[in-house]
Amino acid sequence: SIQGCSEEIAALESKLRQAEQEMKALATKIHDMREGAQALLCDEMKRLLVGLGIKHAEFVVELVALEHFTPTGCDDVRFLFSANKNQQPGEIAKVASGGEIARLMLSLKALISGAVKLPTIIFDEIDTGVSGRVAEKMADIMQQMGNTDRQVISITHLPQIAASGQTHYKVEKHETKDG
């Protein structure tokens, strides 16, 4: 088993270099696709967010080139957001309120569902932190998503959201002596 070991190592190293070249080509292709979609995504997100009551919404996709491969290419992709005029977009978790996060998630899922033909989308209290007219607009977006060949399931406490549904299920929780 020792004989021919150097030839086997050379063959494996050659395969490794070839695989790295293929990965680099694919990572470059993914990066180029991301760059091409970046402006459109930001514009569409802003349009949806303004429609959902965030008048000065800014949504930015930040692509940071990495020196190593990840399962999704060689980019670190970050979504940045600002709800206020003259505020620099920052990490969503740090700058967005609960209601803003709900509207961001709905907008992002609405756009993704248009690109990826998912048969069912489930929203679990996506309307947290919103009410009134904003909830109605969120319901409109979910209803539009359901008007295609897609099923939209929404778990909600808001009548504005529930009113847009075609089928309703009431789920109640009851305590028993056993738990």
Protein backbone atom coordinates (compact mmCIF):
# COMPACT_ATOMS: atom_id res chain seq x y z
CA SER A 1 0.00 0.00 0.00
CA ILE A 2 3.02 2.29 0.39
CA GLN A 3 4.04 1.90 -3.25
CA GLY A 4 2.46 4.41 -5.61
CA CYS A 5 1.46 6.65 -2.74
CA SER A 6 3.07 9.77 -4.25
CA GLU A 7 1.16 9.26 -7.54
CA GLU A 8 -2.09 8.87 -5.63
CA ILE A 9 -1.37 12.06 -3.64
CA ALA A 10 -0.62 13.96 -6.86
CA ALA A 11 -3.87 12.72 -8.44
CA LEU A 12 -5.89 13.74 -5.38
CA GLU A 13 -4.22 17.17 -5.26
CA SER A 14 -5.09 17.65 -8.93
CA LYS A 15 -8.72 16.75 -8.22
CA LEU A 16 -8.70 19.16 -5.29
CA ARG A 17 -7.40 22.03 -7.47
CA GLN A 18 -10.02 21.24 -10.11
CA ALA A 19 -12.80 21.22 -7.48
CA GLU A 20 -11.55 24.55 -6.07
CA GLN A 21 -11.59 26.10 -9.57
CA GLU A 22 -15.16 24.86 -10.09
CA MET A 23 -16.19 26.22 -6.68
CA LYS A 24 -14.60 29.57 -7.47
CA ALA A 25 -16.41 29.76 -10.81
CA LEU A 26 -19.74 28.92 -9.15
CA ALA A 27 -19.10 31.39 -6.30
CA THR A 28 -18.35 34.11 -8.88
CA LYS A 29 -21.57 33.28 -10.73
CA ILE A 30 -23.56 33.46 -7.48
CA HIS A 31 -21.89 36.78 -6.59
CA ASP A 32 -22.72 38.23 -10.01
CA MET A 33 -26.35 37.09 -9.68
CA ARG A 34 -26.56 38.68 -6.25
CA GLU A 35 -25.13 41.95 -7.55
CA GLY A 36 -27.61 41.88 -10.44
CA ALA A 37 -30.60 41.36 -8.15
CA GLN A 38 -29.42 43.70 -5.40
CA ALA A 39 -30.90 46.97 -6.72
CA LEU A 40 -34.20 45.38 -7.74
CA LEU A 41 -34.62 43.74 -4.33
CA CYS A 42 -33.87 47.00 -2.50
CA ASP A 43 -36.31 48.96 -4.70
CA GLU A 44 -39.10 46.39 -4.29
CA MET A 45 -38.58 46.14 -0.54
CA LYS A 46 -38.72 49.93 -0.23
CA ARG A 47 -41.92 50.04 -2.30
CA LEU A 48 -43.60 47.41 -0.11
CA LEU A 49 -42.39 48.95 3.15
CA VAL A 50 -43.58 52.43 2.18
CA GLY A 51 -46.95 50.87 1.34
CA LEU A 52 -46.96 49.30 4.80
CA GLY A 53 -46.58 52.67 6.49
CA ILE A 54 -42.80 53.02 6.82
CA LYS A 55 -42.63 56.30 4.88
CA HIS A 56 -38.84 56.75 4.93
CA ALA A 57 -37.87 53.08 4.67
CA GLU A 58 -34.42 52.21 3.39
CA PHE A 59 -33.45 48.61 2.71
CA VAL A 60 -29.88 47.79 1.73
CA VAL A 61 -28.29 44.51 0.71
CA GLU A 62 -24.62 44.56 1.67
CA LEU A 63 -22.32 42.07 -0.04
CA VAL A 64 -18.98 41.52 1.66
CA ALA A 65 -16.46 39.37 -0.22
CA LEU A 66 -14.95 36.59 1.84
CA GLU A 67 -11.57 34.95 1.35
CA HIS A 68 -13.01 31.49 1.97
CA PHE A 69 -15.85 29.35 0.68
CA THR A 70 -19.13 28.99 2.55
CA PRO A 71 -22.05 26.71 1.68
CA THR A 72 -23.61 29.69 -0.16
CA GLY A 73 -20.59 31.07 -2.00
CA CYS A 74 -17.89 33.59 -1.06
CA ASP A 75 -20.12 36.45 0.08
CA ASP A 76 -21.34 37.51 3.46
CA VAL A 77 -24.82 38.86 2.72
CA ARG A 78 -26.30 41.33 5.18
CA PHE A 79 -29.68 43.04 5.11
CA LEU A 80 -29.63 46.55 6.54
CA PHE A 81 -32.63 48.71 7.34
CA SER A 82 -33.59 52.21 8.37
CA ALA A 83 -37.10 53.47 9.09
CA ASN A 84 -36.23 57.10 9.67
CA LYS A 85 -35.14 59.95 7.46
CA ASN A 86 -31.41 60.76 7.74
CA GLN A 87 -30.65 57.55 9.64
CA GLN A 88 -27.95 55.23 8.34
CA PRO A 89 -29.26 51.71 7.65
CA GLY A 90 -28.12 49.24 10.29
CA GLU A 91 -28.56 45.62 11.29
CA ILE A 92 -32.26 44.86 11.41
CA ALA A 93 -32.10 43.23 14.84
CA LYS A 94 -30.53 46.39 16.29
CA VAL A 95 -32.55 49.15 14.61
CA ALA A 96 -36.02 47.76 13.88
CA SER A 97 -38.98 47.62 16.24
CA GLY A 98 -41.24 44.56 16.49
CA GLY A 99 -43.77 46.06 14.09
CA GLU A 100 -41.04 47.02 11.62
CA ILE A 101 -39.59 43.52 11.74
CA ALA A 102 -43.04 42.08 11.03
CA ARG A 103 -43.42 44.31 7.97
CA LEU A 104 -39.88 43.55 6.80
CA MET A 105 -40.49 39.81 7.05
CA LEU A 106 -43.82 39.98 5.25
CA SER A 107 -42.32 42.08 2.46
CA LEU A 108 -39.31 39.81 2.08
CA LYS A 109 -41.45 36.66 2.09
CA ALA A 110 -43.84 38.19 -0.43
CA LEU A 111 -40.95 38.89 -2.80
CA ILE A 112 -39.35 35.49 -2.26
CA SER A 113 -42.65 33.70 -2.80
CA GLY A 114 -42.98 35.47 -6.14
CA ALA A 115 -39.58 34.20 -7.26
CA VAL A 116 -39.74 30.72 -5.72
CA LYS A 117 -43.02 28.98 -6.41
CA LEU A 118 -43.77 27.68 -2.92
CA PRO A 119 -47.10 25.81 -2.69
CA THR A 120 -47.74 26.88 0.93
CA ILE A 121 -46.55 29.77 3.07
CA ILE A 122 -47.25 29.90 6.79
CA PHE A 123 -47.19 33.15 8.73
CA ASP A 124 -47.12 32.68 12.48
CA GLU A 125 -48.24 36.00 13.97
CA ILE A 126 -46.41 38.00 11.29
CA ASP A 127 -48.65 40.89 12.38
CA THR A 128 -47.01 41.31 15.81
CA GLY A 129 -46.68 44.96 16.72
CA VAL A 130 -49.02 46.32 14.04
CA SER A 131 -52.68 47.28 13.94
CA GLY A 132 -55.21 49.39 12.08
CA ARG A 133 -54.50 50.41 8.50
CA VAL A 134 -51.06 48.73 8.46
CA ALA A 135 -52.67 45.40 9.40
CA GLU A 136 -55.16 45.86 6.56
CA LYS A 137 -52.33 46.46 4.10
CA MET A 138 -50.52 43.37 5.41
CA ALA A 139 -53.74 41.39 4.90
CA ASP A 140 -53.92 42.70 1.31
CA ILE A 141 -50.39 41.47 0.61
CA MET A 142 -51.15 38.03 2.06
CA GLN A 143 -54.39 37.88 0.09
CA GLN A 144 -52.53 38.71 -3.14
CA MET A 145 -50.06 35.93 -2.35
CA GLY A 146 -52.98 33.52 -1.91
CA ASN A 147 -54.66 34.59 -5.16
CA THR A 148 -52.02 32.68 -7.09
CA ASP A 149 -51.67 28.91 -6.99
CA ARG A 150 -50.32 29.19 -3.45
CA GLN A 151 -51.91 28.48 -0.09
CA VAL A 152 -51.32 31.07 2.63
CA ILE A 153 -51.88 30.09 6.23
CA SER A 154 -51.83 32.92 8.75
CA ILE A 155 -51.93 32.50 12.50
CA THR A 156 -53.24 35.80 13.79
CA HIS A 157 -55.06 37.60 16.56
CA LEU A 158 -56.01 40.56 14.38
CA PRO A 159 -59.47 40.79 12.80
CA GLN A 160 -58.06 42.79 9.87
CA ILE A 161 -55.86 39.83 8.92
CA ALA A 162 -58.47 37.17 9.59
CA ALA A 163 -61.13 39.02 7.57
CA SER A 164 -59.09 38.55 4.40
CA GLY A 165 -59.01 34.78 4.76
CA GLN A 166 -61.28 32.40 2.88
CA THR A 167 -61.29 29.64 5.50
CA HIS A 168 -61.04 30.13 9.25
CA TYR A 169 -60.14 27.82 12.11
CA LYS A 170 -60.52 28.89 15.68
CA VAL A 171 -57.95 27.34 17.98
CA GLU A 172 -58.49 27.53 21.71
CA LYS A 173 -56.33 26.51 24.60
CA HIS A 174 -57.95 25.00 27.67
CA GLU A 175 -56.23 24.08 30.89
CA THR A 176 -57.07 20.81 32.57
CA LYS A 177 -56.13 19.46 35.94
CA ASP A 178 -53.52 17.26 34.21
CA GLY A 179 -51.83 20.19 32.54
